[in-house]
């Protein structure tokens, strides 16, 4: 957010593993136990999202942009 000459960032979502995938993990548990039948993310998609998240965290630590392999 930019206001009064300053930029501020707000993070409402937990974006560090393992918290970042808590909702997806619960969805998988619900599907496997029969409590829900709508799997929100398949395995390959979940792996791609995790890979992008891990690269973003490494990029932040390195202080420079990093490429996400396979994208």
N, C-alpha and C. Protein backbone atom coordinates (compact mmCIF):
# COMPACT_ATOMS: atom_id res chain seq x y z
N UNK A 1 0.84 -1.15 0.00
CA UNK A 1 0.00 0.00 0.00
C UNK A 1 0.89 1.23 0.00
N UNK A 2 0.56 2.18 -0.82
CA UNK A 2 1.32 3.42 -0.89
C UNK A 2 0.47 4.56 -0.36
N UNK A 3 0.95 5.26 0.64
CA UNK A 3 0.22 6.39 1.19
C UNK A 3 1.20 7.38 1.81
N UNK A 4 0.96 8.62 1.60
CA UNK A 4 1.75 9.69 2.20
C UNK A 4 3.25 9.51 2.00
N UNK A 5 3.61 9.10 0.78
CA UNK A 5 5.02 8.94 0.43
C UNK A 5 5.69 7.70 0.98
N UNK A 6 4.92 6.79 1.59
CA UNK A 6 5.50 5.57 2.15
C UNK A 6 4.80 4.34 1.57
N UNK A 7 5.57 3.29 1.40
CA UNK A 7 5.02 2.02 0.96
C UNK A 7 4.98 1.07 2.15
N UNK A 8 3.82 0.44 2.35
CA UNK A 8 3.67 -0.51 3.46
C UNK A 8 3.11 -1.81 2.91
N UNK A 9 3.60 -2.93 3.42
CA UNK A 9 3.09 -4.23 3.01
C UNK A 9 2.37 -4.91 4.15
N UNK A 10 1.29 -5.56 3.81
CA UNK A 10 0.51 -6.31 4.79
C UNK A 10 0.32 -7.73 4.28
N UNK A 11 0.56 -8.69 5.13
CA UNK A 11 0.43 -10.08 4.74
C UNK A 11 -0.64 -10.74 5.60
N UNK A 12 -1.81 -10.94 5.01
CA UNK A 12 -2.91 -11.54 5.76
C UNK A 12 -2.86 -13.06 5.72
N UNK A 13 -2.12 -13.61 4.75
CA UNK A 13 -2.06 -15.06 4.61
C UNK A 13 -0.76 -15.60 5.18
N UNK A 14 -0.81 -16.73 5.87
CA UNK A 14 0.44 -17.36 6.32
C UNK A 14 1.19 -17.87 5.09
N UNK A 15 2.40 -17.38 4.86
CA UNK A 15 3.10 -17.75 3.63
C UNK A 15 4.41 -18.50 3.86
N UNK A 16 4.58 -19.08 5.02
CA UNK A 16 5.75 -19.91 5.29
C UNK A 16 5.32 -21.35 5.51
N UNK A 17 6.07 -22.29 4.91
CA UNK A 17 5.76 -23.70 5.18
C UNK A 17 5.92 -23.97 6.67
N UNK A 18 5.18 -24.81 7.31
CA UNK A 18 4.09 -25.61 6.75
C UNK A 18 2.74 -24.90 6.75
N UNK A 19 2.64 -23.72 7.35
CA UNK A 19 1.36 -23.03 7.45
C UNK A 19 0.74 -22.71 6.10
N UNK A 20 1.58 -22.49 5.10
CA UNK A 20 1.08 -22.08 3.80
C UNK A 20 0.17 -23.12 3.16
N UNK A 21 0.30 -24.37 3.54
CA UNK A 21 -0.51 -25.42 2.92
C UNK A 21 -1.50 -26.06 3.89
N UNK A 22 -1.77 -25.41 4.99
CA UNK A 22 -2.68 -25.98 5.99
C UNK A 22 -4.08 -26.20 5.42
N UNK A 23 -4.63 -25.23 4.72
CA UNK A 23 -5.99 -25.36 4.17
C UNK A 23 -6.05 -26.46 3.11
N UNK A 24 -5.03 -26.53 2.25
CA UNK A 24 -5.01 -27.56 1.22
C UNK A 24 -4.86 -28.94 1.85
N UNK A 25 -4.04 -29.04 2.87
CA UNK A 25 -3.87 -30.33 3.56
C UNK A 25 -5.19 -30.76 4.19
N UNK A 26 -5.90 -29.83 4.81
CA UNK A 26 -7.19 -30.15 5.40
C UNK A 26 -8.18 -30.59 4.33
N UNK A 27 -8.15 -29.96 3.16
CA UNK A 27 -9.02 -30.36 2.06
C UNK A 27 -8.72 -31.80 1.64
N UNK A 28 -7.44 -32.14 1.53
CA UNK A 28 -7.06 -33.51 1.16
C UNK A 28 -7.54 -34.51 2.20
N UNK A 29 -7.35 -34.19 3.48
CA UNK A 29 -7.81 -35.07 4.56
C UNK A 29 -9.32 -35.25 4.47
N UNK A 30 -10.05 -34.17 4.23
CA UNK A 30 -11.50 -34.25 4.11
C UNK A 30 -11.93 -35.14 2.94
N UNK A 31 -11.22 -35.05 1.83
CA UNK A 31 -11.56 -35.90 0.67
C UNK A 31 -11.25 -37.36 0.97
N UNK A 32 -10.08 -37.62 1.54
CA UNK A 32 -9.67 -39.00 1.82
C UNK A 32 -10.58 -39.66 2.86
N UNK A 33 -11.05 -38.90 3.83
CA UNK A 33 -11.91 -39.47 4.88
C UNK A 33 -13.39 -39.46 4.49
N UNK A 34 -13.69 -38.96 3.29
CA UNK A 34 -15.07 -38.99 2.82
C UNK A 34 -15.93 -37.85 3.32
N UNK A 35 -15.34 -36.86 3.98
CA UNK A 35 -16.11 -35.72 4.47
C UNK A 35 -16.35 -34.66 3.41
N UNK A 36 -15.68 -34.79 2.28
CA UNK A 36 -15.80 -33.81 1.20
C UNK A 36 -15.38 -34.52 -0.09
N UNK A 37 -15.97 -34.15 -1.21
CA UNK A 37 -15.61 -34.83 -2.45
C UNK A 37 -15.02 -33.91 -3.51
N UNK A 38 -14.65 -32.69 -3.13
CA UNK A 38 -14.11 -31.74 -4.09
C UNK A 38 -12.65 -31.45 -3.77
N UNK A 39 -11.74 -32.16 -4.45
CA UNK A 39 -10.31 -31.92 -4.27
C UNK A 39 -9.94 -30.63 -4.97
N UNK A 40 -9.45 -29.66 -4.25
CA UNK A 40 -9.20 -28.33 -4.80
C UNK A 40 -7.94 -28.25 -5.64
N UNK A 41 -6.95 -29.09 -5.35
CA UNK A 41 -5.69 -29.01 -6.08
C UNK A 41 -5.12 -30.41 -6.25
N UNK A 42 -4.78 -30.77 -7.49
CA UNK A 42 -4.18 -32.09 -7.71
C UNK A 42 -2.69 -32.06 -7.34
N UNK A 43 -2.08 -33.22 -7.33
CA UNK A 43 -0.68 -33.35 -6.92
C UNK A 43 0.29 -32.50 -7.71
N UNK A 44 0.27 -32.58 -9.05
CA UNK A 44 1.21 -31.78 -9.83
C UNK A 44 1.03 -30.27 -9.61
N UNK A 45 -0.20 -29.82 -9.49
CA UNK A 45 -0.44 -28.40 -9.25
C UNK A 45 0.07 -27.99 -7.87
N UNK A 46 -0.19 -28.82 -6.87
CA UNK A 46 0.29 -28.53 -5.51
C UNK A 46 1.81 -28.47 -5.48
N UNK A 47 2.47 -29.38 -6.19
CA UNK A 47 3.94 -29.37 -6.23
C UNK A 47 4.46 -28.11 -6.91
N UNK A 48 3.81 -27.67 -7.99
CA UNK A 48 4.23 -26.45 -8.69
C UNK A 48 4.07 -25.22 -7.79
N UNK A 49 2.97 -25.16 -7.05
CA UNK A 49 2.73 -24.04 -6.14
C UNK A 49 3.77 -24.06 -5.02
N UNK A 50 4.05 -25.22 -4.46
CA UNK A 50 5.06 -25.33 -3.40
C UNK A 50 6.43 -24.91 -3.93
N UNK A 51 6.77 -25.35 -5.12
CA UNK A 51 8.05 -24.99 -5.72
C UNK A 51 8.16 -23.47 -5.87
N UNK A 52 7.11 -22.84 -6.38
CA UNK A 52 7.12 -21.39 -6.55
C UNK A 52 7.25 -20.68 -5.20
N UNK A 53 6.56 -21.18 -4.19
CA UNK A 53 6.65 -20.59 -2.85
C UNK A 53 8.06 -20.70 -2.29
N UNK A 54 8.66 -21.86 -2.42
CA UNK A 54 10.02 -22.05 -1.90
C UNK A 54 11.03 -21.16 -2.62
N UNK A 55 10.87 -21.02 -3.94
CA UNK A 55 11.76 -20.13 -4.69
C UNK A 55 11.55 -18.68 -4.25
N UNK A 56 10.31 -18.29 -4.02
CA UNK A 56 10.03 -16.93 -3.55
C UNK A 56 10.68 -16.67 -2.20
N UNK A 57 10.64 -17.63 -1.31
CA UNK A 57 11.30 -17.48 0.00
C UNK A 57 12.81 -17.36 -0.16
N UNK A 58 13.38 -18.18 -1.03
CA UNK A 58 14.83 -18.11 -1.29
C UNK A 58 15.19 -16.77 -1.93
N UNK A 59 14.34 -16.29 -2.84
CA UNK A 59 14.56 -15.00 -3.48
C UNK A 59 14.58 -13.88 -2.44
N UNK A 60 13.66 -13.96 -1.49
CA UNK A 60 13.60 -12.96 -0.43
C UNK A 60 14.87 -12.99 0.41
N UNK A 61 15.33 -14.18 0.75
CA UNK A 61 16.55 -14.32 1.54
C UNK A 61 17.77 -13.80 0.78
N UNK A 62 17.80 -14.10 -0.53
CA UNK A 62 18.94 -13.69 -1.36
C UNK A 62 18.89 -12.20 -1.70
N UNK A 63 17.71 -11.59 -1.61
CA UNK A 63 17.58 -10.18 -1.92
C UNK A 63 17.63 -9.89 -3.41
N UNK A 64 17.28 -10.88 -4.21
CA UNK A 64 17.27 -10.70 -5.66
C UNK A 64 16.28 -11.67 -6.29
N UNK A 65 15.83 -11.34 -7.50
CA UNK A 65 14.89 -12.25 -8.17
C UNK A 65 15.56 -13.58 -8.52
N UNK A 66 14.82 -14.64 -8.39
CA UNK A 66 15.29 -15.97 -8.80
C UNK A 66 14.27 -16.57 -9.76
N UNK A 67 14.74 -17.37 -10.69
CA UNK A 67 13.84 -18.04 -11.62
C UNK A 67 13.21 -19.25 -10.96
N UNK A 68 11.94 -19.49 -11.29
CA UNK A 68 11.24 -20.69 -10.85
C UNK A 68 11.46 -21.74 -11.92
N UNK A 69 12.17 -22.82 -11.63
CA UNK A 69 12.40 -23.85 -12.63
C UNK A 69 11.09 -24.44 -13.15
N UNK A 70 11.04 -24.67 -14.44
CA UNK A 70 9.87 -25.31 -15.05
C UNK A 70 8.73 -24.35 -15.35
N UNK A 71 8.90 -23.07 -15.13
CA UNK A 71 7.79 -22.15 -15.42
C UNK A 71 8.10 -21.29 -16.61
